[in-house]
Amino acid sequence: MLKDLVGFLPDIKKRLLVVFTHKAEKSDEDCQVIITSFIAKAKEIIGFDCNHVCVDSEWYQHAISQEKISEQLVEQSGINEIKKWISKSRKMVSPSEILLTNAKKSYISALSKQIKIKEKELIQIKKKSDEFEEKISKKIERSISKLTDLWKKCNEQKLNIKELKNEIKDLDD
């Protein structure tokens, strides 16, 4: 189960709290042996020391059922440690939020890569478009130049024809 949790929960080292119960039923030495043994085995499995607390709910129930609450008994029950841990852990970002944030980052990263690829492609297309436009402009300039030359030649021929007509008219007279 611990291996599964490690693979599933992000920041498990901060999120995992092992609770040892029935503290009152065992001696302090027995409790310490059980805790040490479990923590060592857990560390072997998951690679870190687990947060842990020893509690006895009967002590807690007895402490708060009295007219005057026994703060010492409440503290010895270990329940306050769990409350503190829960309060502290509520300030942590939830695993689903972490997973969602990571997925969002991956998606944005993938989109950014695609945008860069598309921008490079657009630059290539713009370059080809500019080259094509330049070639067309040059061809149009050459065509206009040729047309202008042809037009000039036509005008010259027209003048030549006019001169010939005048010469023929002079010959006829």
Protein backbone atom coordinates (compact mmCIF):
# COMPACT_ATOMS: atom_id res chain seq x y z
CA MET A 1 0.00 0.00 0.00
CA LEU A 2 2.83 2.41 0.82
CA LYS A 3 4.47 1.77 -2.58
CA ASP A 4 1.14 2.51 -4.28
CA LEU A 5 0.74 5.74 -2.31
CA VAL A 6 4.26 6.89 -3.17
CA GLY A 7 3.54 6.38 -6.87
CA PHE A 8 0.17 8.10 -6.68
CA LEU A 9 0.42 11.06 -4.29
CA PRO A 10 2.69 13.99 -5.03
CA ASP A 11 4.61 15.27 -1.99
CA ILE A 12 3.69 12.14 -0.03
CA LYS A 13 6.51 12.83 2.39
CA LYS A 14 4.57 15.89 3.58
CA ARG A 15 1.12 14.33 3.25
CA LEU A 16 1.52 10.95 4.92
CA LEU A 17 0.78 10.64 8.64
CA VAL A 18 0.91 7.20 10.26
CA VAL A 19 -1.28 6.99 13.35
CA PHE A 20 -0.53 4.40 16.00
CA THR A 21 -3.57 3.76 18.19
CA HIS A 22 -4.35 2.26 21.58
CA LYS A 23 -1.41 3.97 23.20
CA ALA A 24 -2.74 3.30 26.69
CA GLU A 25 -2.86 -0.45 26.19
CA LYS A 26 0.89 -0.78 25.76
CA SER A 27 3.92 0.29 27.71
CA ASP A 28 6.03 3.14 26.38
CA GLU A 29 8.80 0.65 25.57
CA ASP A 30 6.40 -1.61 23.60
CA CYS A 31 5.03 1.40 21.72
CA GLN A 32 8.53 2.54 20.85
CA VAL A 33 9.51 -0.93 19.59
CA ILE A 34 6.40 -1.11 17.37
CA ILE A 35 6.91 2.43 16.05
CA THR A 36 10.63 1.99 15.40
CA SER A 37 10.02 -1.31 13.64
CA PHE A 38 7.24 0.07 11.44
CA ILE A 39 9.09 3.30 10.57
CA ALA A 40 12.23 1.33 9.64
CA LYS A 41 10.22 -1.04 7.40
CA ALA A 42 8.33 1.89 5.84
CA LYS A 43 11.60 3.73 5.18
CA GLU A 44 12.96 0.61 3.48
CA ILE A 45 9.87 0.52 1.24
CA ILE A 46 9.33 4.21 0.47
CA GLY A 47 12.73 5.73 1.13
CA PHE A 48 11.95 8.23 3.89
CA ASP A 49 10.86 8.44 7.53
CA CYS A 50 7.09 8.73 7.90
CA ASN A 51 5.44 11.39 9.97
CA HIS A 52 3.77 9.57 12.82
CA VAL A 53 1.83 10.09 16.00
CA CYS A 54 0.66 7.83 18.83
CA VAL A 55 -2.88 8.34 20.08
CA ASP A 56 -5.39 6.97 22.45
CA SER A 57 -8.93 8.08 21.81
CA GLU A 58 -10.12 6.71 25.16
CA TRP A 59 -7.81 9.12 27.00
CA TYR A 60 -9.11 11.95 24.85
CA GLN A 61 -12.77 11.00 25.41
CA HIS A 62 -12.16 10.71 29.15
CA ALA A 63 -10.35 14.07 29.23
CA ILE A 64 -13.14 16.02 27.51
CA SER A 65 -16.00 14.22 29.28
CA GLN A 66 -14.96 15.60 32.66
CA GLU A 67 -16.46 18.85 33.95
CA LYS A 68 -13.06 20.40 34.01
CA ILE A 69 -11.21 19.28 30.91
CA SER A 70 -7.89 17.74 31.72
CA GLU A 71 -5.52 19.50 29.33
CA GLN A 72 -2.71 17.19 30.37
CA LEU A 73 -4.75 14.09 29.49
CA VAL A 74 -5.85 15.69 26.17
CA GLU A 75 -2.19 16.36 25.36
CA GLN A 76 -1.15 12.83 26.33
CA SER A 77 -3.88 11.36 24.14
CA GLY A 78 -2.03 12.57 21.04
CA ILE A 79 -5.22 13.88 19.41
CA ASN A 80 -3.92 17.48 19.44
CA GLU A 81 -0.92 16.36 17.36
CA ILE A 82 -3.31 14.97 14.75
CA LYS A 83 -5.32 18.22 14.81
CA LYS A 84 -2.13 20.25 14.32
CA TRP A 85 -1.02 18.01 11.46
CA ILE A 86 -4.44 18.25 9.80
CA SER A 87 -4.44 22.03 10.21
CA LYS A 88 -0.96 22.25 8.71
CA SER A 89 -1.79 19.89 5.85
CA ARG A 90 -4.88 21.89 4.88
CA LYS A 91 -2.54 24.65 3.80
CA MET A 92 -0.86 22.28 1.33
CA VAL A 93 -1.91 22.27 -2.27
CA SER A 94 -4.11 19.26 -2.97
CA PRO A 95 -2.71 16.37 -5.04
CA SER A 96 -5.37 16.88 -7.69
CA GLU A 97 -4.44 20.56 -7.92
CA ILE A 98 -0.77 19.62 -8.31
CA LEU A 99 -1.65 17.07 -11.01
CA LEU A 100 -3.86 19.63 -12.76
CA THR A 101 -1.15 22.30 -12.56
CA ASN A 102 1.45 19.87 -13.95
CA ALA A 103 -0.90 18.86 -16.76
CA LYS A 104 -1.56 22.53 -17.51
CA LYS A 105 2.20 23.24 -17.63
CA SER A 106 2.75 20.28 -19.98
CA TYR A 107 -0.10 21.41 -22.24
CA ILE A 108 1.16 25.00 -22.34
CA SER A 109 4.68 23.76 -23.04
CA ALA A 110 3.43 21.60 -25.92
CA LEU A 111 1.42 24.52 -27.29
CA SER A 112 4.44 26.82 -27.01
CA LYS A 113 6.54 24.33 -28.98
CA GLN A 114 3.86 24.14 -31.67
CA ILE A 115 3.64 27.94 -31.80
CA LYS A 116 7.41 28.17 -32.30
CA ILE A 117 7.24 25.58 -35.08
CA LYS A 118 4.37 27.44 -36.76
CA GLU A 119 6.19 30.76 -36.39
CA LYS A 120 9.23 29.27 -38.15
CA GLU A 121 6.97 27.95 -40.90
CA LEU A 122 5.34 31.38 -41.24
CA ILE A 123 8.76 33.00 -41.56
CA GLN A 124 9.62 30.54 -44.34
CA ILE A 125 6.31 31.20 -46.10
CA LYS A 126 6.82 34.98 -45.78
CA LYS A 127 10.34 34.62 -47.19
CA LYS A 128 9.06 32.60 -50.16
CA SER A 129 6.23 35.09 -50.67
CA ASP A 130 8.70 37.99 -50.68
CA GLU A 131 10.96 36.14 -53.15
CA PHE A 132 7.98 35.41 -55.41
CA GLU A 133 6.82 39.01 -55.23
CA GLU A 134 10.31 40.21 -56.13
CA LYS A 135 10.51 37.84 -59.12
CA ILE A 136 7.08 38.98 -60.34
CA SER A 137 8.08 42.64 -59.92
CA LYS A 138 11.24 42.07 -61.96
CA LYS A 139 9.31 40.26 -64.68
CA ILE A 140 6.74 43.05 -64.80
CA GLU A 141 9.53 45.65 -65.00
CA ARG A 142 11.17 43.72 -67.86
CA SER A 143 7.82 43.34 -69.61
CA ILE A 144 7.07 47.02 -69.23
CA SER A 145 10.54 47.83 -70.51
CA LYS A 146 10.00 45.56 -73.53
CA LEU A 147 6.55 47.04 -74.14
CA THR A 148 7.99 50.53 -73.90
CA ASP A 149 10.70 49.60 -76.39
CA LEU A 150 8.11 48.07 -78.70
CA TRP A 151 5.94 51.11 -78.40
CA LYS A 152 8.86 53.36 -79.26
CA LYS A 153 9.64 51.17 -82.29
CA CYS A 154 6.01 51.33 -83.33
CA ASN A 155 6.11 55.11 -83.06
CA GLU A 156 9.32 55.17 -85.08
CA GLN A 157 7.74 52.96 -87.71
CA LYS A 158 4.69 55.18 -87.70
CA LEU A 159 6.92 58.20 -88.30
CA ASN A 160 8.82 56.31 -90.99
CA ILE A 161 5.56 55.40 -92.67
CA LYS A 162 4.40 58.97 -92.44
CA GLU A 163 7.67 60.17 -93.99
CA LEU A 164 7.35 57.56 -96.72
CA LYS A 165 3.84 58.69 -97.43
CA ASN A 166 5.03 62.24 -97.66
CA GLU A 167 7.82 61.21 -100.02
CA ILE A 168 5.39 59.26 -102.17
CA LYS A 169 3.07 62.21 -102.22
CA ASP A 170 5.95 64.45 -103.25
CA LEU A 171 6.83 62.03 -106.01
CA ASP A 172 3.31 61.97 -107.26
CA ASP A 173 3.19 65.73 -107.45
